[in-house]
Amino acid sequence: MTAEEPQKVKAGEKVGPGTYVCIDCGRELKVTEAEKDLVKCPSCACENYQCFPMTHIRPDIKTPEDAVHPPKRK
């Protein structure tokens, strides 16, 4: 999977930090916690999202703490 091919996830799944975009209305949900249950879209109640986790941007981002304070690149 590449950054150009976002993963699809469904409400109720445990997700990590990243941006989740509703496939019906386009509303973005930003998740900053690890292992959080994804909720139905607050706008349209859709259960399906495209997932843009932090790991797609930087593979060294693995936790919410890493997202807030990214590790220094070598």
C-alpha atoms as a PDB file:
ATOM      1  CA  MET A   1       0.000   0.000   0.000  1.00  0.00           C
ATOM      2  CA  THR A   2       1.252   3.497  -0.800  1.00  0.00           C
ATOM      3  CA  ALA A   3       0.254   6.960   0.345  1.00  0.00           C
ATOM      4  CA  GLU A   4      -1.675   7.335  -2.928  1.00  0.00           C
ATOM      5  CA  GLU A   5      -3.791   4.258  -2.113  1.00  0.00           C
ATOM      6  CA  PRO A   6      -5.456   4.880   1.251  1.00  0.00           C
ATOM      7  CA  GLN A   7      -6.662   1.933   3.275  1.00  0.00           C
ATOM      8  CA  LYS A   8     -10.402   1.577   3.895  1.00  0.00           C
ATOM      9  CA  VAL A   9     -11.652   1.103   7.447  1.00  0.00           C
ATOM     10  CA  LYS A  10     -15.085   0.732   9.004  1.00  0.00           C
ATOM     11  CA  ALA A  11     -16.716   2.218  12.097  1.00  0.00           C
ATOM     12  CA  GLY A  12     -16.116   0.011  15.126  1.00  0.00           C
ATOM     13  CA  GLU A  13     -12.573  -0.932  14.086  1.00  0.00           C
ATOM     14  CA  LYS A  14      -9.667  -0.044  16.372  1.00  0.00           C
ATOM     15  CA  VAL A  15      -7.574   2.611  14.643  1.00  0.00           C
ATOM     16  CA  GLY A  16      -4.462   4.611  15.401  1.00  0.00           C
ATOM     17  CA  PRO A  17      -3.463   8.231  14.887  1.00  0.00           C
ATOM     18  CA  GLY A  18      -4.326   9.694  11.515  1.00  0.00           C
ATOM     19  CA  THR A  19      -7.025  11.274   9.398  1.00  0.00           C
ATOM     20  CA  TYR A  20     -10.117   9.308   8.442  1.00  0.00           C
ATOM     21  CA  VAL A  21     -12.290  10.646   5.587  1.00  0.00           C
ATOM     22  CA  CYS A  22     -15.933   9.563   5.245  1.00  0.00           C
ATOM     23  CA  ILE A  23     -16.440   8.001   1.821  1.00  0.00           C
ATOM     24  CA  ASP A  24     -20.005   9.374   1.557  1.00  0.00           C
ATOM     25  CA  CYS A  25     -19.805  13.022   2.658  1.00  0.00           C
ATOM     26  CA  GLY A  26     -16.046  13.677   2.857  1.00  0.00           C
ATOM     27  CA  ARG A  27     -16.034  14.757   6.509  1.00  0.00           C
ATOM     28  CA  GLU A  28     -12.619  14.320   8.096  1.00  0.00           C
ATOM     29  CA  LEU A  29     -12.124  12.826  11.542  1.00  0.00           C
ATOM     30  CA  LYS A  30      -8.718  13.318  13.108  1.00  0.00           C
ATOM     31  CA  VAL A  31      -7.647  10.669  15.591  1.00  0.00           C
ATOM     32  CA  THR A  32      -4.755  11.377  17.946  1.00  0.00           C
ATOM     33  CA  GLU A  33      -5.120   8.342  20.218  1.00  0.00           C
ATOM     34  CA  ALA A  34      -3.812   4.820  19.684  1.00  0.00           C
ATOM     35  CA  GLU A  35      -6.282   1.922  19.619  1.00  0.00           C
ATOM     36  CA  LYS A  36      -9.387   4.097  19.439  1.00  0.00           C
ATOM     37  CA  ASP A  37     -12.728   2.709  18.198  1.00  0.00           C
ATOM     38  CA  LEU A  38     -13.704   4.546  15.018  1.00  0.00           C
ATOM     39  CA  VAL A  39     -17.226   6.002  15.253  1.00  0.00           C
ATOM     40  CA  LYS A  40     -19.869   6.395  12.551  1.00  0.00           C
ATOM     41  CA  CYS A  41     -19.609   9.679  10.659  1.00  0.00           C
ATOM     42  CA  PRO A  42     -21.191  12.422  12.808  1.00  0.00           C
ATOM     43  CA  SER A  43     -22.551  14.125   9.657  1.00  0.00           C
ATOM     44  CA  CYS A  44     -24.164  11.288   7.709  1.00  0.00           C
ATOM     45  CA  ALA A  45     -23.832   8.110   9.869  1.00  0.00           C
ATOM     46  CA  CYS A  46     -21.771   6.360   7.186  1.00  0.00           C
ATOM     47  CA  GLU A  47     -19.567   3.591   8.572  1.00  0.00           C
ATOM     48  CA  ASN A  48     -16.837   3.574   5.899  1.00  0.00           C
ATOM     49  CA  TYR A  49     -13.737   5.732   5.809  1.00  0.00           C
ATOM     50  CA  GLN A  50     -10.569   6.152   3.825  1.00  0.00           C
ATOM     51  CA  CYS A  51      -7.654   6.001   6.209  1.00  0.00           C
ATOM     52  CA  PHE A  52      -4.616   8.280   6.105  1.00  0.00           C
ATOM     53  CA  PRO A  53      -2.597   7.113   9.140  1.00  0.00           C
ATOM     54  CA  MET A  54       0.504   8.943  10.282  1.00  0.00           C
ATOM     55  CA  THR A  55       2.559   5.912   9.235  1.00  0.00           C
ATOM     56  CA  HIS A  56       1.770   6.721   5.576  1.00  0.00           C
ATOM     57  CA  ILE A  57       3.589  10.023   5.988  1.00  0.00           C
ATOM     58  CA  ARG A  58       6.438   8.929   8.258  1.00  0.00           C
ATOM     59  CA  PRO A  59       7.051   5.286   9.113  1.00  0.00           C
ATOM     60  CA  ASP A  60       8.712   6.298  12.412  1.00  0.00           C
ATOM     61  CA  ILE A  61       5.396   7.720  13.714  1.00  0.00           C
ATOM     62  CA  LYS A  62       3.924   4.814  15.656  1.00  0.00           C
ATOM     63  CA  THR A  63       2.146   6.347  18.659  1.00  0.00           C
ATOM     64  CA  PRO A  64       0.069   9.458  19.423  1.00  0.00           C
ATOM     65  CA  GLU A  65       3.055  10.789  21.369  1.00  0.00           C
ATOM     66  CA  ASP A  66       5.210  10.409  18.234  1.00  0.00           C
ATOM     67  CA  ALA A  67       2.600  12.370  16.256  1.00  0.00           C
ATOM     68  CA  VAL A  68       2.698  15.233  18.762  1.00  0.00           C
ATOM     69  CA  HIS A  69       6.494  15.117  19.199  1.00  0.00           C
ATOM     70  CA  PRO A  70       7.925  13.449  16.073  1.00  0.00           C
ATOM     71  CA  PRO A  71      11.253  11.638  16.474  1.00  0.00           C
ATOM     72  CA  LYS A  72      14.197  13.506  15.004  1.00  0.00           C
ATOM     73  CA  ARG A  73      15.147  12.253  11.565  1.00  0.00           C
ATOM     74  CA  LYS A  74      18.603  10.810  11.186  1.00  0.00           C
END
